[in-house]
């Protein structure tokens, strides 16, 4: 098949390479322009190395972008991690239209941080959808879905790179074949089941030690490795990464105050929250590098009795 490719970053690069590896023809690649001083996107670099035609339009709504798409005479458009808005006048140009990847089981978790939010909310399952892009964000009819588990200790890094990334590459190939062959179905999303969440960024990743230990642990997992959950220490931001949850079952097992460091061990520190403690293995102080929590404590930065988030 002859493909018009629209994408960015590592996922876009992997999908592009998967189509090329099996012998499909990529007529052109659309990438977002780099910000001033930024390195070229890895998708752009890979496309140029393979001798492909690359377009970088500030807006895909422009007449120039539509003219370029028309000139490709593509069978299908493939959108693999796209942050630019692509209007219907652009995505409908290929003979069989365009398909797009989204890392959630639509219609749940529409929006830009759809991998973080299910983990932050303690979900045990997530997945991906291949759908038709419309002018509404992640609102188009679904062509194909795949599910995957979220383990009780999984981080966003593990869910994405070990599951949603490779599954997504396979799903894009499968869906493209179905659409070009005319063997696909398109299922309208059930608006009664839909949800939309915005970005999961630093503000959403702040730890409130007065929250339940389960919620705190889910926030840490949803932010590891990025954007990084965080608390404060002496007015400075302290990011928290690898961690473990410990639930208390009796009043006699409760140690310390909310947010208090109650133990400093050889590999970790423990901090009290509602319903238990968070054992922290890695931290990153403001302006510093990521280090083991024990090493950070040994530097004199904190000790038993220190209150975090005060």
C-alpha atoms as a PDB file:
ATOM      1  CA  UNK A   1       0.000   0.000   0.000  1.00  0.00           C
ATOM      2  CA  UNK A   2       1.038   3.613  -0.545  1.00  0.00           C
ATOM      3  CA  UNK A   3       1.098   5.557   2.735  1.00  0.00           C
ATOM      4  CA  UNK A   4       1.016   9.177   3.849  1.00  0.00           C
ATOM      5  CA  UNK A   5       2.607   9.168   7.298  1.00  0.00           C
ATOM      6  CA  UNK A   6       1.927  11.742  10.028  1.00  0.00           C
ATOM      7  CA  UNK A   7       3.699  11.415  13.368  1.00  0.00           C
ATOM      8  CA  UNK A   8       6.373  12.287  15.881  1.00  0.00           C
ATOM      9  CA  UNK A   9       8.915  10.843  18.279  1.00  0.00           C
ATOM     10  CA  UNK A  10       9.893   7.238  19.006  1.00  0.00           C
ATOM     11  CA  UNK A  11       6.464   5.712  18.449  1.00  0.00           C
ATOM     12  CA  UNK A  12       6.107   7.402  15.090  1.00  0.00           C
ATOM     13  CA  UNK A  13       9.574   6.193  14.100  1.00  0.00           C
ATOM     14  CA  UNK A  14       8.788   2.594  15.133  1.00  0.00           C
ATOM     15  CA  UNK A  15       5.524   2.533  13.187  1.00  0.00           C
ATOM     16  CA  UNK A  16       7.185   4.033  10.115  1.00  0.00           C
ATOM     17  CA  UNK A  17       9.944   1.426  10.218  1.00  0.00           C
ATOM     18  CA  UNK A  18       7.411  -1.395  10.649  1.00  0.00           C
ATOM     19  CA  UNK A  19       5.564  -0.404   7.463  1.00  0.00           C
ATOM     20  CA  UNK A  20       8.794  -0.041   5.528  1.00  0.00           C
ATOM     21  CA  UNK A  21      10.145  -3.361   6.830  1.00  0.00           C
ATOM     22  CA  UNK A  22       7.245  -5.274   5.346  1.00  0.00           C
ATOM     23  CA  UNK A  23       7.539  -3.544   1.980  1.00  0.00           C
ATOM     24  CA  UNK A  24       4.903  -0.811   2.056  1.00  0.00           C
ATOM     25  CA  UNK A  25       5.607   2.398   0.154  1.00  0.00           C
ATOM     26  CA  UNK A  26       5.744   5.592   2.214  1.00  0.00           C
ATOM     27  CA  UNK A  27       5.018   8.475  -0.161  1.00  0.00           C
ATOM     28  CA  UNK A  28       5.755  11.200   2.376  1.00  0.00           C
ATOM     29  CA  UNK A  29       6.136  11.970   6.067  1.00  0.00           C
ATOM     30  CA  UNK A  30       4.559  14.903   7.904  1.00  0.00           C
ATOM     31  CA  UNK A  31       6.348  16.011  11.108  1.00  0.00           C
ATOM     32  CA  UNK A  32       5.741  18.992  13.364  1.00  0.00           C
ATOM     33  CA  UNK A  33       8.416  21.708  13.061  1.00  0.00           C
ATOM     34  CA  UNK A  34      11.063  21.707  15.784  1.00  0.00           C
ATOM     35  CA  UNK A  35      11.145  24.503  18.302  1.00  0.00           C
ATOM     36  CA  UNK A  36      14.072  26.875  17.936  1.00  0.00           C
ATOM     37  CA  UNK A  37      17.278  25.214  19.116  1.00  0.00           C
ATOM     38  CA  UNK A  38      15.691  21.784  19.517  1.00  0.00           C
ATOM     39  CA  UNK A  39      17.116  18.627  18.004  1.00  0.00           C
ATOM     40  CA  UNK A  40      15.357  17.193  14.949  1.00  0.00           C
ATOM     41  CA  UNK A  41      12.561  14.760  15.817  1.00  0.00           C
ATOM     42  CA  UNK A  42      13.739  11.137  15.638  1.00  0.00           C
ATOM     43  CA  UNK A  43      10.960  10.375  13.121  1.00  0.00           C
ATOM     44  CA  UNK A  44      12.208  13.132  10.819  1.00  0.00           C
ATOM     45  CA  UNK A  45      15.778  11.898  11.122  1.00  0.00           C
ATOM     46  CA  UNK A  46      14.780   8.310  10.329  1.00  0.00           C
ATOM     47  CA  UNK A  47      12.672   9.402   7.352  1.00  0.00           C
ATOM     48  CA  UNK A  48      15.472  11.482   5.855  1.00  0.00           C
ATOM     49  CA  UNK A  49      17.980   8.664   6.359  1.00  0.00           C
ATOM     50  CA  UNK A  50      15.658   6.435   4.328  1.00  0.00           C
ATOM     51  CA  UNK A  51      15.382   9.013   1.567  1.00  0.00           C
ATOM     52  CA  UNK A  52      11.735   9.809   2.226  1.00  0.00           C
ATOM     53  CA  UNK A  53      10.054  13.099   1.454  1.00  0.00           C
ATOM     54  CA  UNK A  54       9.499  15.071   4.689  1.00  0.00           C
ATOM     55  CA  UNK A  55       7.041  17.932   5.220  1.00  0.00           C
ATOM     56  CA  UNK A  56       7.040  20.241   8.243  1.00  0.00           C
ATOM     57  CA  UNK A  57       4.094  22.612   8.192  1.00  0.00           C
ATOM     58  CA  UNK A  58       3.358  24.873  11.180  1.00  0.00           C
ATOM     59  CA  UNK A  59      -0.297  23.901  10.678  1.00  0.00           C
ATOM     60  CA  UNK A  60      -1.936  20.944   8.961  1.00  0.00           C
ATOM     61  CA  UNK A  61      -4.942  23.215   8.397  1.00  0.00           C
ATOM     62  CA  UNK A  62      -3.044  25.201   5.776  1.00  0.00           C
ATOM     63  CA  UNK A  63      -3.677  25.027   2.047  1.00  0.00           C
ATOM     64  CA  UNK A  64      -0.024  24.066   1.613  1.00  0.00           C
ATOM     65  CA  UNK A  65      -0.426  20.999   3.845  1.00  0.00           C
ATOM     66  CA  UNK A  66      -3.549  19.889   1.962  1.00  0.00           C
ATOM     67  CA  UNK A  67      -1.806  20.389  -1.393  1.00  0.00           C
ATOM     68  CA  UNK A  68       1.158  18.300  -0.227  1.00  0.00           C
ATOM     69  CA  UNK A  69      -1.144  15.517   0.979  1.00  0.00           C
ATOM     70  CA  UNK A  70      -3.030  15.521  -2.325  1.00  0.00           C
ATOM     71  CA  UNK A  71       0.226  15.259  -4.243  1.00  0.00           C
ATOM     72  CA  UNK A  72       1.138  12.001  -2.481  1.00  0.00           C
ATOM     73  CA  UNK A  73      -1.751  10.026  -4.009  1.00  0.00           C
ATOM     74  CA  UNK A  74      -1.777   7.853  -0.895  1.00  0.00           C
ATOM     75  CA  UNK A  75      -3.978   4.843  -0.303  1.00  0.00           C
ATOM     76  CA  UNK A  76      -4.187   5.599   3.424  1.00  0.00           C
ATOM     77  CA  UNK A  77      -3.001   8.109   5.996  1.00  0.00           C
ATOM     78  CA  UNK A  78      -1.309   6.814   9.153  1.00  0.00           C
ATOM     79  CA  UNK A  79      -1.270   9.020  12.265  1.00  0.00           C
ATOM     80  CA  UNK A  80       1.189   7.725  14.872  1.00  0.00           C
ATOM     81  CA  UNK A  81       1.544  10.075  17.846  1.00  0.00           C
ATOM     82  CA  UNK A  82       0.382  13.413  16.468  1.00  0.00           C
ATOM     83  CA  UNK A  83       0.047  16.594  18.536  1.00  0.00           C
ATOM     84  CA  UNK A  84      -0.880  18.880  15.635  1.00  0.00           C
ATOM     85  CA  UNK A  85      -4.576  19.267  14.825  1.00  0.00           C
ATOM     86  CA  UNK A  86      -5.399  17.495  11.552  1.00  0.00           C
ATOM     87  CA  UNK A  87      -8.697  18.717  10.012  1.00  0.00           C
ATOM     88  CA  UNK A  88     -11.090  16.556   8.015  1.00  0.00           C
ATOM     89  CA  UNK A  89     -10.081  18.399   4.844  1.00  0.00           C
ATOM     90  CA  UNK A  90      -6.586  16.956   5.367  1.00  0.00           C
ATOM     91  CA  UNK A  91      -7.187  13.442   6.746  1.00  0.00           C
ATOM     92  CA  UNK A  92      -9.883  12.551   4.181  1.00  0.00           C
ATOM     93  CA  UNK A  93      -7.623  13.118   1.170  1.00  0.00           C
ATOM     94  CA  UNK A  94      -6.069   9.601   0.976  1.00  0.00           C
ATOM     95  CA  UNK A  95      -8.200   7.087  -0.938  1.00  0.00           C
ATOM     96  CA  UNK A  96      -9.133   5.142   2.211  1.00  0.00           C
ATOM     97  CA  UNK A  97      -8.928   8.082   4.602  1.00  0.00           C
ATOM     98  CA  UNK A  98      -6.710   8.142   7.701  1.00  0.00           C
ATOM     99  CA  UNK A  99      -6.394   6.047  10.855  1.00  0.00           C
ATOM    100  CA  UNK A 100      -4.966   7.157  14.203  1.00  0.00           C
ATOM    101  CA  UNK A 101      -3.473   5.501  17.290  1.00  0.00           C
ATOM    102  CA  UNK A 102      -4.630   6.385  20.800  1.00  0.00           C
ATOM    103  CA  UNK A 103      -3.319   4.650  23.971  1.00  0.00           C
ATOM    104  CA  UNK A 104      -6.600   4.047  25.791  1.00  0.00           C
ATOM    105  CA  UNK A 105      -9.762   1.999  25.378  1.00  0.00           C
ATOM    106  CA  UNK A 106     -11.861   4.730  23.815  1.00  0.00           C
ATOM    107  CA  UNK A 107     -14.193   6.318  24.656  1.00  0.00           C
ATOM    108  CA  UNK A 108     -12.553   6.255  28.116  1.00  0.00           C
ATOM    109  CA  UNK A 109      -9.576   8.509  28.726  1.00  0.00           C
ATOM    110  CA  UNK A 110      -9.751  10.780  25.742  1.00  0.00           C
ATOM    111  CA  UNK A 111      -7.031  13.382  25.922  1.00  0.00           C
ATOM    112  CA  UNK A 112      -3.250  13.849  25.936  1.00  0.00           C
ATOM    113  CA  UNK A 113      -2.307  11.865  29.086  1.00  0.00           C
ATOM    114  CA  UNK A 114      -4.401   8.773  28.542  1.00  0.00           C
ATOM    115  CA  UNK A 115      -1.694   6.406  29.814  1.00  0.00           C
ATOM    116  CA  UNK A 116      -1.093   8.253  33.096  1.00  0.00           C
ATOM    117  CA  UNK A 117      -4.693   8.652  34.228  1.00  0.00           C
ATOM    118  CA  UNK A 118      -5.775   4.988  34.355  1.00  0.00           C
ATOM    119  CA  UNK A 119      -2.743   4.222  36.533  1.00  0.00           C
ATOM    120  CA  UNK A 120      -3.350   7.281  38.725  1.00  0.00           C
ATOM    121  CA  UNK A 121      -6.936   6.093  39.270  1.00  0.00           C
ATOM    122  CA  UNK A 122      -5.906   2.550  40.183  1.00  0.00           C
ATOM    123  CA  UNK A 123      -7.302   0.855  37.061  1.00  0.00           C
ATOM    124  CA  UNK A 124      -6.242  -2.757  36.447  1.00  0.00           C
ATOM    125  CA  UNK A 125      -6.661  -2.692  32.671  1.00  0.00           C
ATOM    126  CA  UNK A 126      -5.975  -0.325  29.803  1.00  0.00           C
ATOM    127  CA  UNK A 127      -5.369  -0.674  26.106  1.00  0.00           C
ATOM    128  CA  UNK A 128      -5.238   1.079  22.769  1.00  0.00           C
ATOM    129  CA  UNK A 129      -7.615   2.105  20.022  1.00  0.00           C
ATOM    130  CA  UNK A 130      -7.135   2.630  16.305  1.00  0.00           C
ATOM    131  CA  UNK A 131      -9.819   5.058  15.154  1.00  0.00           C
ATOM    132  CA  UNK A 132     -10.821   7.575  12.524  1.00  0.00           C
ATOM    133  CA  UNK A 133      -9.659  11.090  13.442  1.00  0.00           C
ATOM    134  CA  UNK A 134     -12.435  13.684  13.528  1.00  0.00           C
ATOM    135  CA  UNK A 135     -12.476  17.349  14.499  1.00  0.00           C
ATOM    136  CA  UNK A 136     -13.280  16.297  18.083  1.00  0.00           C
ATOM    137  CA  UNK A 137     -10.279  15.103  20.090  1.00  0.00           C
ATOM    138  CA  UNK A 138     -10.206  11.262  20.142  1.00  0.00           C
ATOM    139  CA  UNK A 139     -13.923  11.153  19.322  1.00  0.00           C
ATOM    140  CA  UNK A 140     -13.981   9.309  15.980  1.00  0.00           C
ATOM    141  CA  UNK A 141     -15.325   5.814  15.248  1.00  0.00           C
ATOM    142  CA  UNK A 142     -13.164   2.932  16.456  1.00  0.00           C
ATOM    143  CA  UNK A 143     -11.751   0.378  14.020  1.00  0.00           C
ATOM    144  CA  UNK A 144      -9.711  -1.861  16.303  1.00  0.00           C
ATOM    145  CA  UNK A 145      -8.876  -2.175  20.022  1.00  0.00           C
ATOM    146  CA  UNK A 146      -6.422  -4.213  22.067  1.00  0.00           C
ATOM    147  CA  UNK A 147      -6.364  -4.541  25.860  1.00  0.00           C
ATOM    148  CA  UNK A 148      -3.515  -5.065  28.303  1.00  0.00           C
ATOM    149  CA  UNK A 149      -3.307  -5.409  32.101  1.00  0.00           C
ATOM    150  CA  UNK A 150      -1.998  -2.831  34.550  1.00  0.00           C
ATOM    151  CA  UNK A 151      -0.238  -4.719  37.323  1.00  0.00           C
ATOM    152  CA  UNK A 152      -0.538  -3.459  40.910  1.00  0.00           C
ATOM    153  CA  UNK A 153       3.048  -2.194  40.849  1.00  0.00           C
ATOM    154  CA  UNK A 154       3.351  -1.180  37.193  1.00  0.00           C
ATOM    155  CA  UNK A 155       4.644   2.287  36.348  1.00  0.00           C
ATOM    156  CA  UNK A 156       3.712   4.314  33.295  1.00  0.00           C
ATOM    157  CA  UNK A 157       7.099   3.434  31.818  1.00  0.00           C
ATOM    158  CA  UNK A 158       6.407  -0.285  32.098  1.00  0.00           C
ATOM    159  CA  UNK A 159       2.845  -0.071  30.773  1.00  0.00           C
ATOM    160  CA  UNK A 160       3.833   2.042  27.788  1.00  0.00           C
ATOM    161  CA  UNK A 161       7.170   0.642  26.679  1.00  0.00           C
ATOM    162  CA  UNK A 162       6.468  -3.031  27.471  1.00  0.00           C
ATOM    163  CA  UNK A 163       2.848  -3.171  26.310  1.00  0.00           C
ATOM    164  CA  UNK A 164       1.152  -0.209  24.647  1.00  0.00           C
ATOM    165  CA  UNK A 165       4.125   0.687  22.429  1.00  0.00           C
ATOM    166  CA  UNK A 166       4.712  -2.739  20.802  1.00  0.00           C
ATOM    167  CA  UNK A 167       0.989  -3.546  20.734  1.00  0.00           C
ATOM    168  CA  UNK A 168       0.362  -0.205  19.062  1.00  0.00           C
ATOM    169  CA  UNK A 169       2.864  -0.822  16.283  1.00  0.00           C
ATOM    170  CA  UNK A 170       1.235  -4.184  15.517  1.00  0.00           C
ATOM    171  CA  UNK A 171      -2.259  -2.689  15.696  1.00  0.00           C
ATOM    172  CA  UNK A 172      -1.440   0.049  13.181  1.00  0.00           C
ATOM    173  CA  UNK A 173      -0.311  -2.532  10.639  1.00  0.00           C
ATOM    174  CA  UNK A 174      -3.362  -4.710  11.267  1.00  0.00           C
ATOM    175  CA  UNK A 175      -5.843  -1.842  11.046  1.00  0.00           C
ATOM    176  CA  UNK A 176      -4.273  -0.427   7.873  1.00  0.00           C
ATOM    177  CA  UNK A 177      -4.589  -3.818   6.169  1.00  0.00           C
ATOM    178  CA  UNK A 178      -8.233  -4.105   7.198  1.00  0.00           C
ATOM    179  CA  UNK A 179      -9.118  -0.614   5.977  1.00  0.00           C
ATOM    180  CA  UNK A 180      -7.354  -0.820   2.607  1.00  0.00           C
ATOM    181  CA  UNK A 181      -8.902  -4.261   1.988  1.00  0.00           C
ATOM    182  CA  UNK A 182     -12.353  -2.943   2.924  1.00  0.00           C
ATOM    183  CA  UNK A 183     -12.741  -5.589   5.631  1.00  0.00           C
ATOM    184  CA  UNK A 184     -12.917  -3.260   8.636  1.00  0.00           C
ATOM    185  CA  UNK A 185     -15.837  -2.085  10.718  1.00  0.00           C
ATOM    186  CA  UNK A 186     -16.246   1.341  12.311  1.00  0.00           C
ATOM    187  CA  UNK A 187     -17.995   1.518  15.673  1.00  0.00           C
ATOM    188  CA  UNK A 188     -19.257   4.855  16.930  1.00  0.00           C
ATOM    189  CA  UNK A 189     -18.069   5.672  20.444  1.00  0.00           C
ATOM    190  CA  UNK A 190     -20.632   5.442  23.243  1.00  0.00           C
ATOM    191  CA  UNK A 191     -20.781   8.970  24.650  1.00  0.00           C
ATOM    192  CA  UNK A 192     -22.393   7.682  27.860  1.00  0.00           C
ATOM    193  CA  UNK A 193     -19.127   5.835  28.609  1.00  0.00           C
ATOM    194  CA  UNK A 194     -16.806   8.632  27.505  1.00  0.00           C
ATOM    195  CA  UNK A 195     -14.367  10.606  29.628  1.00  0.00           C
ATOM    196  CA  UNK A 196     -11.870  13.349  28.866  1.00  0.00           C
ATOM    197  CA  UNK A 197      -8.813  14.167  30.989  1.00  0.00           C
ATOM    198  CA  UNK A 198      -6.268  16.904  30.337  1.00  0.00           C
ATOM    199  CA  UNK A 199      -2.515  16.769  30.794  1.00  0.00           C
ATOM    200  CA  UNK A 200      -0.992  14.838  33.692  1.00  0.00           C
ATOM    201  CA  UNK A 201       1.853  17.191  34.535  1.00  0.00           C
ATOM    202  CA  UNK A 202       3.765  18.378  37.580  1.00  0.00           C
ATOM    203  CA  UNK A 203       0.704  19.912  39.250  1.00  0.00           C
ATOM    204  CA  UNK A 204      -1.213  16.641  38.974  1.00  0.00           C
ATOM    205  CA  UNK A 205       1.817  14.659  40.215  1.00  0.00           C
ATOM    206  CA  UNK A 206       2.186  16.489  43.542  1.00  0.00           C
ATOM    207  CA  UNK A 207       2.005  14.171  46.553  1.00  0.00           C
ATOM    208  CA  UNK A 208      -0.409  15.002  49.361  1.00  0.00           C
ATOM    209  CA  UNK A 209       0.764  12.838  52.262  1.00  0.00           C
ATOM    210  CA  UNK A 210      -2.651  13.218  53.923  1.00  0.00           C
ATOM    211  CA  UNK A 211      -4.180  11.255  51.033  1.00  0.00           C
ATOM    212  CA  UNK A 212      -4.630   7.507  51.319  1.00  0.00           C
ATOM    213  CA  UNK A 213      -1.487   5.451  50.752  1.00  0.00           C
ATOM    214  CA  UNK A 214      -3.160   3.665  47.819  1.00  0.00           C
ATOM    215  CA  UNK A 215      -3.838   6.940  46.027  1.00  0.00           C
ATOM    216  CA  UNK A 216      -0.321   8.241  46.668  1.00  0.00           C
ATOM    217  CA  UNK A 217       1.214   5.031  45.355  1.00  0.00           C
ATOM    218  CA  UNK A 218      -0.912   5.209  42.202  1.00  0.00           C
ATOM    219  CA  UNK A 219       0.182   8.814  41.597  1.00  0.00           C
ATOM    220  CA  UNK A 220       3.846   7.837  41.976  1.00  0.00           C
ATOM    221  CA  UNK A 221       3.414   4.946  39.520  1.00  0.00           C
ATOM    222  CA  UNK A 222       1.534   7.135  37.043  1.00  0.00           C
ATOM    223  CA  UNK A 223       4.348   9.694  37.080  1.00  0.00           C
ATOM    224  CA  UNK A 224       7.342   7.317  36.912  1.00  0.00           C
ATOM    225  CA  UNK A 225       9.513   8.147  34.995  1.00  0.00           C
ATOM    226  CA  UNK A 226       7.715  11.298  33.811  1.00  0.00           C
ATOM    227  CA  UNK A 227       6.653  13.822  34.900  1.00  0.00           C
ATOM    228  CA  UNK A 228       7.883  12.507  38.282  1.00  0.00           C
ATOM    229  CA  UNK A 229       5.768  12.618  41.436  1.00  0.00           C
ATOM    230  CA  UNK A 230       7.042  15.158  43.940  1.00  0.00           C
ATOM    231  CA  UNK A 231       6.851  16.502  47.443  1.00  0.00           C
ATOM    232  CA  UNK A 232       8.764  19.259  49.201  1.00  0.00           C
ATOM    233  CA  UNK A 233      11.683  19.243  51.615  1.00  0.00           C
ATOM    234  CA  UNK A 234      12.635  22.522  53.294  1.00  0.00           C
ATOM    235  CA  UNK A 235      10.762  24.418  50.604  1.00  0.00           C
ATOM    236  CA  UNK A 236      12.540  22.652  47.729  1.00  0.00           C
ATOM    237  CA  UNK A 237      10.964  20.183  45.318  1.00  0.00           C
ATOM    238  CA  UNK A 238      11.929  16.537  45.877  1.00  0.00           C
ATOM    239  CA  UNK A 239      10.852  14.116  43.159  1.00  0.00           C
ATOM    240  CA  UNK A 240       9.958  10.544  44.087  1.00  0.00           C
ATOM    241  CA  UNK A 241      10.407   7.636  41.684  1.00  0.00           C
ATOM    242  CA  UNK A 242      10.739   3.928  42.489  1.00  0.00           C
ATOM    243  CA  UNK A 243       8.571   3.132  45.497  1.00  0.00           C
ATOM    244  CA  UNK A 244       6.583   0.454  47.271  1.00  0.00           C
ATOM    245  CA  UNK A 245       3.340   0.603  49.260  1.00  0.00           C
ATOM    246  CA  UNK A 246       2.973  -0.814  52.795  1.00  0.00           C
ATOM    247  CA  UNK A 247      -0.534  -0.962  54.265  1.00  0.00           C
ATOM    248  CA  UNK A 248      -1.055  -0.804  58.038  1.00  0.00           C
ATOM    249  CA  UNK A 249      -3.654  -3.170  59.487  1.00  0.00           C
ATOM    250  CA  UNK A 250      -3.797  -2.203  63.165  1.00  0.00           C
ATOM    251  CA  UNK A 251      -3.543   1.037  65.109  1.00  0.00           C
ATOM    252  CA  UNK A 252      -0.451  -0.281  66.855  1.00  0.00           C
ATOM    253  CA  UNK A 253       1.309  -0.540  63.488  1.00  0.00           C
ATOM    254  CA  UNK A 254       0.905   3.185  62.725  1.00  0.00           C
ATOM    255  CA  UNK A 255       4.223   5.020  62.897  1.00  0.00           C
ATOM    256  CA  UNK A 256       4.853   8.738  62.906  1.00  0.00           C
ATOM    257  CA  UNK A 257       2.870  11.684  61.672  1.00  0.00           C
ATOM    258  CA  UNK A 258       1.517  12.280  58.169  1.00  0.00           C
ATOM    259  CA  UNK A 259       4.480  12.989  55.862  1.00  0.00           C
ATOM    260  CA  UNK A 260       7.071  11.971  58.457  1.00  0.00           C
ATOM    261  CA  UNK A 261      10.167   9.958  57.578  1.00  0.00           C
ATOM    262  CA  UNK A 262       9.981   7.086  60.060  1.00  0.00           C
ATOM    263  CA  UNK A 263      12.780   4.838  58.778  1.00  0.00           C
ATOM    264  CA  UNK A 264      16.060   5.278  56.928  1.00  0.00           C
ATOM    265  CA  UNK A 265      17.420   1.976  55.691  1.00  0.00           C
ATOM    266  CA  UNK A 266      20.310   0.780  53.567  1.00  0.00           C
ATOM    267  CA  UNK A 267      18.290   1.043  50.357  1.00  0.00           C
ATOM    268  CA  UNK A 268      15.244   3.160  51.096  1.00  0.00           C
ATOM    269  CA  UNK A 269      13.317   5.484  53.373  1.00  0.00           C
ATOM    270  CA  UNK A 270       9.740   5.170  54.635  1.00  0.00           C
ATOM    271  CA  UNK A 271       7.200   7.981  54.837  1.00  0.00           C
ATOM    272  CA  UNK A 272       3.849   7.836  56.637  1.00  0.00           C
ATOM    273  CA  UNK A 273       0.552   8.483  54.848  1.00  0.00           C
ATOM    274  CA  UNK A 274      -3.086   7.719  55.618  1.00  0.00           C
ATOM    275  CA  UNK A 275      -3.489   3.944  55.773  1.00  0.00           C
ATOM    276  CA  UNK A 276       0.167   3.004  55.558  1.00  0.00           C
ATOM    277  CA  UNK A 277       3.619   4.012  54.433  1.00  0.00           C
ATOM    278  CA  UNK A 278       5.395   4.658  51.160  1.00  0.00           C
ATOM    279  CA  UNK A 279       8.834   3.104  50.908  1.00  0.00           C
ATOM    280  CA  UNK A 280      10.938   5.256  48.554  1.00  0.00           C
ATOM    281  CA  UNK A 281      13.962   3.901  46.698  1.00  0.00           C
ATOM    282  CA  UNK A 282      14.887   6.753  44.343  1.00  0.00           C
ATOM    283  CA  UNK A 283      14.583  10.522  44.594  1.00  0.00           C
ATOM    284  CA  UNK A 284      15.721  13.573  42.669  1.00  0.00           C
ATOM    285  CA  UNK A 285      16.302  16.787  44.604  1.00  0.00           C
ATOM    286  CA  UNK A 286      15.589  20.119  42.942  1.00  0.00           C
ATOM    287  CA  UNK A 287      18.543  21.014  40.736  1.00  0.00           C
ATOM    288  CA  UNK A 288      20.218  17.647  41.400  1.00  0.00           C
ATOM    289  CA  UNK A 289      20.478  14.176  39.920  1.00  0.00           C
ATOM    290  CA  UNK A 290      18.402  11.081  40.567  1.00  0.00           C
ATOM    291  CA  UNK A 291      19.938   9.100  43.447  1.00  0.00           C
ATOM    292  CA  UNK A 292      18.950   6.319  45.821  1.00  0.00           C
ATOM    293  CA  UNK A 293      16.861   7.534  48.739  1.00  0.00           C
ATOM    294  CA  UNK A 294      19.350   5.983  51.163  1.00  0.00           C
ATOM    295  CA  UNK A 295      22.234   7.874  49.564  1.00  0.00           C
ATOM    296  CA  UNK A 296      20.218  11.081  49.726  1.00  0.00           C
ATOM    297  CA  UNK A 297      19.528  10.533  53.426  1.00  0.00           C
ATOM    298  CA  UNK A 298      23.188   9.689  54.093  1.00  0.00           C
ATOM    299  CA  UNK A 299      24.160  13.068  52.632  1.00  0.00           C
ATOM    300  CA  UNK A 300      22.413  14.660  55.601  1.00  0.00           C
ATOM    301  CA  UNK A 301      19.512  15.984  53.560  1.00  0.00           C
ATOM    302  CA  UNK A 302      16.950  14.233  55.746  1.00  0.00           C
ATOM    303  CA  UNK A 303      16.677  11.870  58.700  1.00  0.00           C
ATOM    304  CA  UNK A 304      14.112  10.067  60.837  1.00  0.00           C
ATOM    305  CA  UNK A 305      11.609  12.677  61.974  1.00  0.00           C
ATOM    306  CA  UNK A 306      11.886  14.872  58.879  1.00  0.00           C
ATOM    307  CA  UNK A 307       8.476  15.990  57.634  1.00  0.00           C
ATOM    308  CA  UNK A 308       7.977  16.030  53.871  1.00  0.00           C
ATOM    309  CA  UNK A 309       5.460  18.297  52.183  1.00  0.00           C
ATOM    310  CA  UNK A 310       5.235  20.652  55.122  1.00  0.00           C
END
